[in-house]
Amino acid sequence: MGSKFDIGMMAFLDRVQQFTEKVEELEKNNKIFKFPYRIFNGKIEDSDNIKYTLRAKIFSEEWTKALKYILMDLKWGLAWVASQFDSNGEEILPVHPVV
């Protein structure tokens, strides 16, 4: 595993970051939904502001934690997507208060 793997993992991380940023942008007025781990500059950050990388040359506890945190963000993202549809698969449209 070398640079091609690293390039693929960094591209994957970038896509996850784009997804999390878009969801948080859509939810900015909600204040309830926020991903547990922040992705920034090719690293994922935990609640103690410790950054972890997915680069394959660092197969270690750090790499394992980075994968765990990515999977947790994906799990939250899946839950968010599922919450946007009813049991019939129809999109739930936001309710705007009548003024």
N, C-alpha and C. Protein backbone atom coordinates (compact mmCIF):
# COMPACT_ATOMS: atom_id res chain seq x y z
N MET A 1 0.86 -1.18 0.00
CA MET A 1 0.00 0.00 0.00
C MET A 1 0.89 1.23 0.00
N GLY A 2 0.67 2.08 -0.92
CA GLY A 2 1.53 3.23 -1.03
C GLY A 2 0.78 4.47 -1.40
N SER A 3 1.37 5.22 -2.30
CA SER A 3 0.82 6.53 -2.61
C SER A 3 -0.55 6.46 -3.29
N LYS A 4 -0.81 5.45 -4.11
CA LYS A 4 -2.14 5.35 -4.74
C LYS A 4 -3.22 5.14 -3.68
N PHE A 5 -2.91 4.35 -2.69
CA PHE A 5 -3.86 4.14 -1.59
C PHE A 5 -4.08 5.45 -0.84
N ASP A 6 -2.98 6.16 -0.54
CA ASP A 6 -3.08 7.46 0.14
C ASP A 6 -3.92 8.44 -0.67
N ILE A 7 -3.69 8.50 -1.96
CA ILE A 7 -4.44 9.42 -2.82
C ILE A 7 -5.93 9.07 -2.76
N GLY A 8 -6.24 7.78 -2.83
CA GLY A 8 -7.62 7.34 -2.76
C GLY A 8 -8.26 7.68 -1.41
N MET A 9 -7.53 7.47 -0.34
CA MET A 9 -8.07 7.77 0.99
C MET A 9 -8.26 9.27 1.18
N MET A 10 -7.34 10.07 0.66
CA MET A 10 -7.48 11.52 0.79
C MET A 10 -8.67 12.02 -0.05
N ALA A 11 -8.88 11.41 -1.21
CA ALA A 11 -10.04 11.78 -2.04
C ALA A 11 -11.33 11.39 -1.33
N PHE A 12 -11.35 10.22 -0.72
CA PHE A 12 -12.51 9.77 0.04
C PHE A 12 -12.79 10.72 1.20
N LEU A 13 -11.75 11.08 1.94
CA LEU A 13 -11.89 12.00 3.06
C LEU A 13 -12.42 13.35 2.59
N ASP A 14 -11.94 13.80 1.45
CA ASP A 14 -12.40 15.07 0.88
C ASP A 14 -13.90 15.01 0.57
N ARG A 15 -14.35 13.90 0.01
CA ARG A 15 -15.78 13.76 -0.31
C ARG A 15 -16.62 13.73 0.96
N VAL A 16 -16.14 13.03 1.97
CA VAL A 16 -16.86 13.00 3.24
C VAL A 16 -16.92 14.41 3.84
N GLN A 17 -15.81 15.15 3.74
CA GLN A 17 -15.80 16.53 4.23
C GLN A 17 -16.82 17.38 3.49
N GLN A 18 -16.89 17.26 2.17
CA GLN A 18 -17.87 18.02 1.39
C GLN A 18 -19.29 17.68 1.82
N PHE A 19 -19.54 16.40 2.03
CA PHE A 19 -20.87 15.96 2.46
C PHE A 19 -21.21 16.55 3.83
N THR A 20 -20.30 16.45 4.80
CA THR A 20 -20.59 16.95 6.14
C THR A 20 -20.80 18.46 6.13
N GLU A 21 -20.00 19.18 5.33
CA GLU A 21 -20.16 20.63 5.25
C GLU A 21 -21.52 21.00 4.65
N LYS A 22 -21.96 20.28 3.63
CA LYS A 22 -23.25 20.56 3.00
C LYS A 22 -24.40 20.29 3.98
N VAL A 23 -24.34 19.17 4.68
CA VAL A 23 -25.39 18.85 5.64
C VAL A 23 -25.44 19.91 6.74
N GLU A 24 -24.28 20.29 7.26
CA GLU A 24 -24.26 21.29 8.33
C GLU A 24 -24.73 22.66 7.82
N GLU A 25 -24.47 22.95 6.56
CA GLU A 25 -24.99 24.19 5.96
C GLU A 25 -26.52 24.15 5.91
N LEU A 26 -27.06 23.01 5.50
CA LEU A 26 -28.52 22.85 5.43
C LEU A 26 -29.16 22.89 6.81
N GLU A 27 -28.42 22.47 7.82
CA GLU A 27 -28.95 22.37 9.17
C GLU A 27 -28.54 23.54 10.07
N LYS A 28 -27.94 24.58 9.49
CA LYS A 28 -27.38 25.66 10.32
C LYS A 28 -28.41 26.34 11.21
N ASN A 29 -29.67 26.39 10.79
CA ASN A 29 -30.71 27.01 11.61
C ASN A 29 -31.28 26.05 12.64
N ASN A 30 -31.01 24.77 12.47
CA ASN A 30 -31.56 23.74 13.34
C ASN A 30 -30.84 23.69 14.69
N LYS A 31 -29.55 23.85 14.68
CA LYS A 31 -28.69 23.82 15.88
C LYS A 31 -28.71 22.48 16.61
N ILE A 32 -29.47 21.50 16.11
CA ILE A 32 -29.55 20.21 16.78
C ILE A 32 -28.55 19.22 16.16
N PHE A 33 -28.44 19.25 14.85
CA PHE A 33 -27.61 18.26 14.16
C PHE A 33 -26.21 18.80 13.90
N LYS A 34 -25.20 18.06 14.36
CA LYS A 34 -23.80 18.40 14.09
C LYS A 34 -23.01 17.10 14.11
N PHE A 35 -22.15 16.92 13.12
CA PHE A 35 -21.34 15.71 13.07
C PHE A 35 -20.38 15.68 14.27
N PRO A 36 -20.11 14.48 14.79
CA PRO A 36 -19.27 14.39 15.98
C PRO A 36 -17.80 14.71 15.74
N TYR A 37 -17.32 14.51 14.51
CA TYR A 37 -15.90 14.74 14.22
C TYR A 37 -15.76 15.69 13.05
N ARG A 38 -14.83 16.61 13.16
CA ARG A 38 -14.61 17.63 12.13
C ARG A 38 -13.50 17.18 11.19
N ILE A 39 -13.71 17.36 9.90
CA ILE A 39 -12.69 17.04 8.90
C ILE A 39 -12.15 18.36 8.38
N PHE A 40 -10.83 18.48 8.37
CA PHE A 40 -10.20 19.73 7.97
C PHE A 40 -8.78 19.45 7.48
N ASN A 41 -8.45 19.97 6.31
CA ASN A 41 -7.09 19.84 5.74
C ASN A 41 -6.60 18.40 5.69
N GLY A 42 -7.46 17.49 5.26
CA GLY A 42 -7.03 16.11 5.09
C GLY A 42 -6.87 15.32 6.37
N LYS A 43 -7.39 15.85 7.48
CA LYS A 43 -7.32 15.14 8.76
C LYS A 43 -8.69 15.20 9.41
N ILE A 44 -8.91 14.29 10.35
CA ILE A 44 -10.15 14.29 11.11
C ILE A 44 -9.80 14.60 12.56
N GLU A 45 -10.64 15.43 13.17
CA GLU A 45 -10.33 15.97 14.49
C GLU A 45 -11.33 15.43 15.51
N ASP A 46 -10.83 14.98 16.67
CA ASP A 46 -11.73 14.49 17.71
C ASP A 46 -12.17 15.62 18.63
N SER A 47 -12.93 15.28 19.66
CA SER A 47 -13.49 16.30 20.55
C SER A 47 -12.41 16.99 21.40
N ASP A 48 -11.23 16.41 21.50
CA ASP A 48 -10.12 17.03 22.23
C ASP A 48 -9.21 17.83 21.31
N ASN A 49 -9.68 18.06 20.07
CA ASN A 49 -8.93 18.80 19.04
C ASN A 49 -7.64 18.11 18.61
N ILE A 50 -7.59 16.79 18.77
CA ILE A 50 -6.45 16.01 18.29
C ILE A 50 -6.77 15.60 16.86
N LYS A 51 -5.82 15.82 15.95
CA LYS A 51 -6.03 15.52 14.53
C LYS A 51 -5.39 14.18 14.17
N TYR A 52 -6.12 13.42 13.33
CA TYR A 52 -5.66 12.11 12.88
C TYR A 52 -5.65 12.07 11.36
N THR A 53 -4.67 11.36 10.81
CA THR A 53 -4.55 11.26 9.35
C THR A 53 -4.90 9.85 8.88
N LEU A 54 -5.27 9.76 7.61
CA LEU A 54 -5.57 8.47 6.99
C LEU A 54 -4.43 7.97 6.11
N ARG A 55 -3.31 8.61 6.15
CA ARG A 55 -2.18 8.19 5.30
C ARG A 55 -1.72 6.80 5.70
N ALA A 56 -1.58 5.93 4.70
CA ALA A 56 -1.29 4.52 4.93
C ALA A 56 0.08 4.28 5.57
N LYS A 57 1.00 5.19 5.41
CA LYS A 57 2.33 4.96 5.97
C LYS A 57 2.31 5.00 7.50
N ILE A 58 1.17 5.39 8.04
CA ILE A 58 1.06 5.47 9.49
C ILE A 58 0.01 4.46 9.96
N PHE A 59 0.19 3.18 9.61
CA PHE A 59 -0.72 2.16 10.11
C PHE A 59 -0.44 2.02 11.60
N SER A 60 -1.27 2.64 12.37
CA SER A 60 -1.05 2.68 13.81
C SER A 60 -2.38 2.92 14.49
N GLU A 61 -2.32 3.15 15.78
CA GLU A 61 -3.53 3.49 16.53
C GLU A 61 -4.15 4.77 15.98
N GLU A 62 -3.31 5.71 15.55
CA GLU A 62 -3.81 6.97 14.97
C GLU A 62 -4.63 6.69 13.72
N TRP A 63 -4.12 5.84 12.83
CA TRP A 63 -4.81 5.51 11.59
C TRP A 63 -6.13 4.81 11.88
N THR A 64 -6.11 3.89 12.86
CA THR A 64 -7.31 3.16 13.25
C THR A 64 -8.36 4.12 13.80
N LYS A 65 -7.94 5.07 14.64
CA LYS A 65 -8.88 6.05 15.18
C LYS A 65 -9.46 6.92 14.07
N ALA A 66 -8.63 7.32 13.12
CA ALA A 66 -9.11 8.14 12.01
C ALA A 66 -10.20 7.40 11.25
N LEU A 67 -10.00 6.12 10.96
CA LEU A 67 -11.02 5.33 10.27
C LEU A 67 -12.29 5.21 11.11
N LYS A 68 -12.13 4.99 12.40
CA LYS A 68 -13.28 4.89 13.30
C LYS A 68 -14.09 6.19 13.27
N TYR A 69 -13.40 7.33 13.32
CA TYR A 69 -14.08 8.62 13.34
C TYR A 69 -14.78 8.91 12.01
N ILE A 70 -14.15 8.51 10.90
CA ILE A 70 -14.77 8.68 9.59
C ILE A 70 -16.06 7.84 9.52
N LEU A 71 -15.97 6.60 9.98
CA LEU A 71 -17.15 5.73 9.97
C LEU A 71 -18.27 6.29 10.85
N MET A 72 -17.90 6.90 11.97
CA MET A 72 -18.92 7.50 12.84
C MET A 72 -19.60 8.68 12.14
N ASP A 73 -18.82 9.52 11.47
CA ASP A 73 -19.42 10.62 10.71
C ASP A 73 -20.33 10.09 9.60
N LEU A 74 -19.91 9.02 8.93
CA LEU A 74 -20.74 8.42 7.88
C LEU A 74 -22.04 7.85 8.47
N LYS A 75 -21.95 7.26 9.64
CA LYS A 75 -23.14 6.72 10.30
C LYS A 75 -24.11 7.86 10.62
N TRP A 76 -23.60 8.96 11.13
CA TRP A 76 -24.45 10.12 11.43
C TRP A 76 -25.03 10.68 10.13
N GLY A 77 -24.22 10.70 9.08
CA GLY A 77 -24.70 11.19 7.79
C GLY A 77 -25.82 10.32 7.25
N LEU A 78 -25.69 9.02 7.37
CA LEU A 78 -26.73 8.10 6.93
C LEU A 78 -28.02 8.33 7.72
N ALA A 79 -27.89 8.54 9.03
CA ALA A 79 -29.07 8.83 9.86
C ALA A 79 -29.73 10.13 9.41
N TRP A 80 -28.91 11.13 9.08
CA TRP A 80 -29.47 12.41 8.63
C TRP A 80 -30.23 12.22 7.31
N VAL A 81 -29.63 11.52 6.36
CA VAL A 81 -30.29 11.29 5.07
C VAL A 81 -31.60 10.54 5.30
N ALA A 82 -31.59 9.51 6.13
CA ALA A 82 -32.80 8.74 6.40
C ALA A 82 -33.88 9.61 7.03
N SER A 83 -33.49 10.59 7.83
CA SER A 83 -34.47 11.46 8.49
C SER A 83 -35.15 12.42 7.52
N GLN A 84 -34.64 12.51 6.32
CA GLN A 84 -35.20 13.42 5.32
C GLN A 84 -36.34 12.80 4.52
N PHE A 85 -36.66 11.52 4.79
CA PHE A 85 -37.69 10.79 4.05
C PHE A 85 -38.64 10.10 5.01
N ASP A 86 -39.92 10.00 4.61
CA ASP A 86 -40.89 9.29 5.43
C ASP A 86 -40.81 7.79 5.15
N SER A 87 -41.68 7.02 5.79
CA SER A 87 -41.62 5.57 5.66
C SER A 87 -41.97 5.08 4.25
N ASN A 88 -42.58 5.94 3.43
CA ASN A 88 -42.89 5.58 2.04
C ASN A 88 -41.80 6.00 1.07
N GLY A 89 -40.73 6.58 1.59
CA GLY A 89 -39.64 7.01 0.74
C GLY A 89 -39.85 8.39 0.14
N GLU A 90 -40.87 9.09 0.59
CA GLU A 90 -41.14 10.44 0.09
C GLU A 90 -40.34 11.45 0.90
N GLU A 91 -39.84 12.45 0.22
CA GLU A 91 -39.05 13.48 0.89
C GLU A 91 -39.92 14.27 1.85
N ILE A 92 -39.41 14.50 3.04
CA ILE A 92 -40.11 15.32 4.03
C ILE A 92 -39.72 16.76 3.78
N LEU A 93 -40.69 17.56 3.40
CA LEU A 93 -40.41 18.96 3.10
C LEU A 93 -40.42 19.76 4.39
N PRO A 94 -39.53 20.75 4.51
CA PRO A 94 -39.49 21.55 5.73
C PRO A 94 -40.79 22.35 5.89
N VAL A 95 -41.23 22.43 7.13
CA VAL A 95 -42.45 23.18 7.44
C VAL A 95 -42.04 24.60 7.79
N HIS A 96 -42.61 25.55 7.06
CA HIS A 96 -42.32 26.96 7.33
C HIS A 96 -43.48 27.54 8.12
N PRO A 97 -43.18 28.25 9.20
CA PRO A 97 -44.27 28.83 9.99
C PRO A 97 -45.06 29.87 9.18
N VAL A 98 -46.35 29.89 9.39
CA VAL A 98 -47.21 30.87 8.72
C VAL A 98 -47.16 32.15 9.53
N VAL A 99 -46.85 33.25 8.82
CA VAL A 99 -46.74 34.54 9.49
C VAL A 99 -47.92 35.40 9.16
